[in-house]
Protein backbone atom coordinates (compact mmCIF):
# COMPACT_ATOMS: atom_id res chain seq x y z
CA GLY A 1 130.20 129.41 105.14
CA ILE A 2 128.11 132.44 104.35
CA GLY A 3 124.72 133.21 105.83
CA VAL A 4 122.22 135.47 104.07
CA LEU A 5 118.90 136.64 105.47
CA ILE A 6 116.14 136.71 102.85
CA THR A 7 112.72 138.01 103.83
CA ASP A 8 110.54 137.41 100.82
CA HIS A 9 107.05 136.18 100.11
CA ASN A 10 107.97 134.64 96.75
CA VAL A 11 108.28 131.27 98.45
CA ARG A 12 108.69 129.09 95.38
CA GLU A 13 111.49 131.21 93.94
CA THR A 14 113.23 131.55 97.30
CA LEU A 15 113.14 127.80 98.02
CA GLU A 16 114.70 127.14 94.61
CA ILE A 17 117.87 129.13 95.42
CA ILE A 18 118.57 128.20 99.05
CA ASP A 19 120.15 125.22 100.81
CA ARG A 20 118.40 125.68 104.17
CA ALA A 21 115.58 127.80 105.56
CA TYR A 22 114.13 128.86 108.90
CA ILE A 23 110.37 129.38 108.85
CA LEU A 24 109.12 131.77 111.54
CA HIS A 25 105.56 131.92 112.86
CA ASP A 26 104.28 134.03 115.77
CA GLY A 27 107.84 135.01 116.69
CA ALA A 28 109.19 131.46 116.93
CA VAL A 29 110.97 129.05 114.60
CA LEU A 30 108.28 126.74 113.24
CA MET A 31 110.65 124.65 111.11
CA GLU A 32 114.22 124.65 109.83
CA GLY A 33 115.66 122.46 107.14
CA ARG A 34 116.18 121.89 103.45
CA PRO A 35 113.52 123.07 100.98
CA ALA A 36 111.98 119.60 100.51
CA GLU A 37 111.70 119.19 104.30
CA ILE A 38 110.12 122.63 104.64
CA VAL A 39 107.51 121.91 101.96
CA ALA A 40 106.67 118.50 103.49
CA HIS A 41 106.20 119.85 107.04
CA GLU A 42 102.53 119.75 108.07
CA GLY A 43 102.74 122.88 110.23
CA VAL A 44 104.40 124.94 107.50
CA ARG A 45 101.76 123.83 105.00
CA ARG A 46 98.96 124.63 107.44
CA VAL A 47 100.05 128.15 108.46
CA TYR A 48 102.06 129.36 105.49
CA LEU A 49 102.12 127.39 102.22
CA GLY A 50 98.69 125.81 101.92
CA GLU A 51 97.92 122.22 101.02
CA ARG A 52 98.22 122.70 97.24
CA PHE A 53 101.75 124.19 97.28
CA SER A 54 104.46 122.31 95.37
CA LEU A 55 107.96 123.10 94.16
């Protein structure tokens, strides 16, 4: 497979083109998984996406 590192703050657009993501917070991996799993994760929503975010 091929791995590509994307560092972007256009979250919605980025999650639409990837298969898996690693979400970093305070220098540690907060969550890794598929876009739907990332969006559903309570910690990711709290520190990064916000409660109103949707794909």
